[in-house]
Amino acid sequence: MHLRPAPPRRLPPQDMVALDAQEQRAQRVTWSVGAVAAAVLLVLVCLLCTRALF
């Protein structure tokens, strides 16, 4: 007994302009979070270095 799988369903259409806009927003958020993390790490390293020197 051989069963045949159902044919694949048709995918809904995609709004490529909206997808591009969302991707740009996500990239901006990622860069912002990275910049904030880098600034915090820089401040911590500066504090640790000044504490070690004095």
PDB file of N, CA and C in Angstrom:
ATOM      1  N   MET A   1       0.852  -1.177   0.000  1.00  0.00           N
ATOM      2  CA  MET A   1       0.000   0.000   0.000  1.00  0.00           C
ATOM      3  C   MET A   1       0.894   1.237   0.000  1.00  0.00           C
ATOM      4  N   HIS A   2       0.759   2.034  -1.010  1.00  0.00           N
ATOM      5  CA  HIS A   2       1.549   3.248  -1.144  1.00  0.00           C
ATOM      6  C   HIS A   2       0.629   4.451  -0.979  1.00  0.00           C
ATOM      7  N   LEU A   3       1.047   5.341  -0.074  1.00  0.00           N
ATOM      8  CA  LEU A   3       0.282   6.567   0.141  1.00  0.00           C
ATOM      9  C   LEU A   3       0.975   7.714  -0.576  1.00  0.00           C
ATOM     10  N   ARG A   4       0.222   8.495  -1.243  1.00  0.00           N
ATOM     11  CA  ARG A   4       0.771   9.676  -1.904  1.00  0.00           C
ATOM     12  C   ARG A   4       0.572  10.893  -1.014  1.00  0.00           C
ATOM     13  N   PRO A   5       1.620  11.659  -0.816  1.00  0.00           N
ATOM     14  CA  PRO A   5       1.459  12.870   0.002  1.00  0.00           C
ATOM     15  C   PRO A   5       0.611  13.901  -0.744  1.00  0.00           C
ATOM     16  N   ALA A   6      -0.005  14.738   0.047  1.00  0.00           N
ATOM     17  CA  ALA A   6      -0.816  15.808  -0.548  1.00  0.00           C
ATOM     18  C   ALA A   6       0.112  16.774  -1.281  1.00  0.00           C
ATOM     19  N   PRO A   7      -0.345  17.375  -2.344  1.00  0.00           N
ATOM     20  CA  PRO A   7       0.511  18.342  -3.040  1.00  0.00           C
ATOM     21  C   PRO A   7       0.782  19.544  -2.132  1.00  0.00           C
ATOM     22  N   PRO A   8       1.912  20.182  -2.311  1.00  0.00           N
ATOM     23  CA  PRO A   8       2.244  21.324  -1.452  1.00  0.00           C
ATOM     24  C   PRO A   8       1.250  22.468  -1.643  1.00  0.00           C
ATOM     25  N   ARG A   9       1.012  23.145  -0.529  1.00  0.00           N
ATOM     26  CA  ARG A   9       0.094  24.285  -0.591  1.00  0.00           C
ATOM     27  C   ARG A   9       0.791  25.480  -1.208  1.00  0.00           C
ATOM     28  N   ARG A  10       0.007  26.381  -1.711  1.00  0.00           N
ATOM     29  CA  ARG A  10       0.546  27.596  -2.311  1.00  0.00           C
ATOM     30  C   ARG A  10       0.855  28.601  -1.195  1.00  0.00           C
ATOM     31  N   LEU A  11       2.047  29.165  -1.243  1.00  0.00           N
ATOM     32  CA  LEU A  11       2.444  30.138  -0.222  1.00  0.00           C
ATOM     33  C   LEU A  11       1.739  31.473  -0.453  1.00  0.00           C
ATOM     34  N   PRO A  12       1.453  32.193   0.623  1.00  0.00           N
ATOM     35  CA  PRO A  12       0.843  33.510   0.446  1.00  0.00           C
ATOM     36  C   PRO A  12       1.846  34.481  -0.175  1.00  0.00           C
ATOM     37  N   PRO A  13       1.380  35.488  -0.871  1.00  0.00           N
ATOM     38  CA  PRO A  13       2.309  36.459  -1.460  1.00  0.00           C
ATOM     39  C   PRO A  13       3.022  37.252  -0.356  1.00  0.00           C
ATOM     40  N   GLN A  14       4.232  37.686  -0.665  1.00  0.00           N
ATOM     41  CA  GLN A  14       5.022  38.433   0.304  1.00  0.00           C
ATOM     42  C   GLN A  14       5.204  39.865  -0.165  1.00  0.00           C
ATOM     43  N   ASP A  15       5.158  40.774   0.803  1.00  0.00           N
ATOM     44  CA  ASP A  15       5.369  42.187   0.514  1.00  0.00           C
ATOM     45  C   ASP A  15       6.854  42.480   0.701  1.00  0.00           C
ATOM     46  N   MET A  16       7.584  42.473  -0.392  1.00  0.00           N
ATOM     47  CA  MET A  16       9.037  42.614  -0.315  1.00  0.00           C
ATOM     48  C   MET A  16       9.468  43.988   0.211  1.00  0.00           C
ATOM     49  N   VAL A  17       8.712  45.028  -0.098  1.00  0.00           N
ATOM     50  CA  VAL A  17       9.060  46.373   0.386  1.00  0.00           C
ATOM     51  C   VAL A  17       8.946  46.423   1.907  1.00  0.00           C
ATOM     52  N   ALA A  18       7.874  45.850   2.430  1.00  0.00           N
ATOM     53  CA  ALA A  18       7.690  45.832   3.889  1.00  0.00           C
ATOM     54  C   ALA A  18       8.758  44.967   4.558  1.00  0.00           C
ATOM     55  N   LEU A  19       9.106  43.848   3.933  1.00  0.00           N
ATOM     56  CA  LEU A  19      10.154  43.000   4.493  1.00  0.00           C
ATOM     57  C   LEU A  19      11.491  43.725   4.533  1.00  0.00           C
ATOM     58  N   ASP A  20      11.808  44.457   3.484  1.00  0.00           N
ATOM     59  CA  ASP A  20      13.057  45.229   3.464  1.00  0.00           C
ATOM     60  C   ASP A  20      13.064  46.301   4.550  1.00  0.00           C
ATOM     61  N   ALA A  21      11.929  46.971   4.737  1.00  0.00           N
ATOM     62  CA  ALA A  21      11.848  48.016   5.762  1.00  0.00           C
ATOM     63  C   ALA A  21      12.020  47.413   7.157  1.00  0.00           C
ATOM     64  N   GLN A  22      11.398  46.270   7.402  1.00  0.00           N
ATOM     65  CA  GLN A  22      11.540  45.620   8.705  1.00  0.00           C
ATOM     66  C   GLN A  22      12.972  45.156   8.937  1.00  0.00           C
ATOM     67  N   GLU A  23      13.604  44.665   7.893  1.00  0.00           N
ATOM     68  CA  GLU A  23      14.985  44.224   8.028  1.00  0.00           C
ATOM     69  C   GLU A  23      15.910  45.397   8.334  1.00  0.00           C
ATOM     70  N   GLN A  24      15.676  46.541   7.721  1.00  0.00           N
ATOM     71  CA  GLN A  24      16.490  47.724   8.000  1.00  0.00           C
ATOM     72  C   GLN A  24      16.286  48.194   9.436  1.00  0.00           C
ATOM     73  N   ARG A  25      15.043  48.162   9.917  1.00  0.00           N
ATOM     74  CA  ARG A  25      14.783  48.547  11.314  1.00  0.00           C
ATOM     75  C   ARG A  25      15.479  47.588  12.269  1.00  0.00           C
ATOM     76  N   ALA A  26      15.412  46.298  11.975  1.00  0.00           N
ATOM     77  CA  ALA A  26      16.058  45.308  12.835  1.00  0.00           C
ATOM     78  C   ALA A  26      17.567  45.506  12.844  1.00  0.00           C
ATOM     79  N   GLN A  27      18.145  45.827  11.698  1.00  0.00           N
ATOM     80  CA  GLN A  27      19.581  46.063  11.635  1.00  0.00           C
ATOM     81  C   GLN A  27      19.961  47.308  12.434  1.00  0.00           C
ATOM     82  N   ARG A  28      19.119  48.339  12.367  1.00  0.00           N
ATOM     83  CA  ARG A  28      19.384  49.562  13.130  1.00  0.00           C
ATOM     84  C   ARG A  28      19.344  49.263  14.632  1.00  0.00           C
ATOM     85  N   VAL A  29      18.391  48.469  15.070  1.00  0.00           N
ATOM     86  CA  VAL A  29      18.303  48.102  16.492  1.00  0.00           C
ATOM     87  C   VAL A  29      19.535  47.304  16.901  1.00  0.00           C
ATOM     88  N   THR A  30      19.948  46.371  16.051  1.00  0.00           N
ATOM     89  CA  THR A  30      21.121  45.557  16.360  1.00  0.00           C
ATOM     90  C   THR A  30      22.365  46.423  16.509  1.00  0.00           C
ATOM     91  N   TRP A  31      22.570  47.345  15.583  1.00  0.00           N
ATOM     92  CA  TRP A  31      23.737  48.240  15.665  1.00  0.00           C
ATOM     93  C   TRP A  31      23.649  49.133  16.902  1.00  0.00           C
ATOM     94  N   SER A  32      22.457  49.594  17.248  1.00  0.00           N
ATOM     95  CA  SER A  32      22.285  50.452  18.433  1.00  0.00           C
ATOM     96  C   SER A  32      22.625  49.686  19.703  1.00  0.00           C
ATOM     97  N   VAL A  33      22.130  48.477  19.821  1.00  0.00           N
ATOM     98  CA  VAL A  33      22.421  47.662  21.007  1.00  0.00           C
ATOM     99  C   VAL A  33      23.923  47.377  21.087  1.00  0.00           C
ATOM    100  N   GLY A  34      24.536  47.087  19.958  1.00  0.00           N
ATOM    101  CA  GLY A  34      25.979  46.850  19.944  1.00  0.00           C
ATOM    102  C   GLY A  34      26.767  48.079  20.349  1.00  0.00           C
ATOM    103  N   ALA A  35      26.331  49.256  19.898  1.00  0.00           N
ATOM    104  CA  ALA A  35      27.025  50.492  20.253  1.00  0.00           C
ATOM    105  C   ALA A  35      26.901  50.779  21.751  1.00  0.00           C
ATOM    106  N   VAL A  36      25.727  50.554  22.300  1.00  0.00           N
ATOM    107  CA  VAL A  36      25.531  50.768  23.739  1.00  0.00           C
ATOM    108  C   VAL A  36      26.393  49.787  24.531  1.00  0.00           C
ATOM    109  N   ALA A  37      26.414  48.536  24.116  1.00  0.00           N
ATOM    110  CA  ALA A  37      27.237  47.535  24.815  1.00  0.00           C
ATOM    111  C   ALA A  37      28.714  47.904  24.733  1.00  0.00           C
ATOM    112  N   ALA A  38      29.166  48.354  23.583  1.00  0.00           N
ATOM    113  CA  ALA A  38      30.569  48.749  23.426  1.00  0.00           C
ATOM    114  C   ALA A  38      30.902  49.946  24.315  1.00  0.00           C
ATOM    115  N   ALA A  39      29.984  50.907  24.407  1.00  0.00           N
ATOM    116  CA  ALA A  39      30.224  52.076  25.257  1.00  0.00           C
ATOM    117  C   ALA A  39      30.308  51.673  26.726  1.00  0.00           C
ATOM    118  N   VAL A  40      29.419  50.788  27.151  1.00  0.00           N
ATOM    119  CA  VAL A  40      29.448  50.327  28.541  1.00  0.00           C
ATOM    120  C   VAL A  40      30.750  49.585  28.827  1.00  0.00           C
ATOM    121  N   LEU A  41      31.174  48.723  27.914  1.00  0.00           N
ATOM    122  CA  LEU A  41      32.428  48.003  28.110  1.00  0.00           C
ATOM    123  C   LEU A  41      33.624  48.948  28.145  1.00  0.00           C
ATOM    124  N   LEU A  42      33.612  49.959  27.307  1.00  0.00           N
ATOM    125  CA  LEU A  42      34.698  50.935  27.299  1.00  0.00           C
ATOM    126  C   LEU A  42      34.777  51.672  28.633  1.00  0.00           C
ATOM    127  N   VAL A  43      33.640  52.075  29.166  1.00  0.00           N
ATOM    128  CA  VAL A  43      33.611  52.754  30.462  1.00  0.00           C
ATOM    129  C   VAL A  43      34.124  51.827  31.559  1.00  0.00           C
ATOM    130  N   LEU A  44      33.707  50.569  31.530  1.00  0.00           N
ATOM    131  CA  LEU A  44      34.166  49.625  32.547  1.00  0.00           C
ATOM    132  C   LEU A  44      35.675  49.400  32.462  1.00  0.00           C
ATOM    133  N   VAL A  45      36.203  49.274  31.258  1.00  0.00           N
ATOM    134  CA  VAL A  45      37.643  49.082  31.101  1.00  0.00           C
ATOM    135  C   VAL A  45      38.390  50.316  31.594  1.00  0.00           C
ATOM    136  N   CYS A  46      37.893  51.484  31.286  1.00  0.00           N
ATOM    137  CA  CYS A  46      38.544  52.715  31.762  1.00  0.00           C
ATOM    138  C   CYS A  46      38.527  52.792  33.282  1.00  0.00           C
ATOM    139  N   LEU A  47      37.397  52.428  33.891  1.00  0.00           N
ATOM    140  CA  LEU A  47      37.326  52.445  35.349  1.00  0.00           C
ATOM    141  C   LEU A  47      38.279  51.447  35.963  1.00  0.00           C
ATOM    142  N   LEU A  48      38.364  50.248  35.384  1.00  0.00           N
ATOM    143  CA  LEU A  48      39.257  49.238  35.918  1.00  0.00           C
ATOM    144  C   LEU A  48      40.721  49.643  35.746  1.00  0.00           C
ATOM    145  N   CYS A  49      41.049  50.273  34.632  1.00  0.00           N
ATOM    146  CA  CYS A  49      42.427  50.709  34.411  1.00  0.00           C
ATOM    147  C   CYS A  49      42.824  51.845  35.370  1.00  0.00           C
ATOM    148  N   THR A  50      41.924  52.782  35.581  1.00  0.00           N
ATOM    149  CA  THR A  50      42.254  53.882  36.495  1.00  0.00           C
ATOM    150  C   THR A  50      42.370  53.355  37.931  1.00  0.00           C
ATOM    151  N   ARG A  51      41.558  52.378  38.262  1.00  0.00           N
ATOM    152  CA  ARG A  51      41.632  51.803  39.606  1.00  0.00           C
ATOM    153  C   ARG A  51      42.948  51.050  39.789  1.00  0.00           C
ATOM    154  N   ALA A  52      43.405  50.381  38.753  1.00  0.00           N
ATOM    155  CA  ALA A  52      44.661  49.632  38.847  1.00  0.00           C
ATOM    156  C   ALA A  52      45.860  50.582  38.923  1.00  0.00           C
ATOM    157  N   LEU A  53      45.779  51.743  38.298  1.00  0.00           N
ATOM    158  CA  LEU A  53      46.903  52.676  38.295  1.00  0.00           C
ATOM    159  C   LEU A  53      47.002  53.457  39.602  1.00  0.00           C
ATOM    160  N   PHE A  54      45.886  53.701  40.259  1.00  0.00           N
ATOM    161  CA  PHE A  54      45.917  54.541  41.472  1.00  0.00           C
ATOM    162  C   PHE A  54      45.596  53.790  42.703  1.00  0.00           C
TER     163      PHE A  54
END
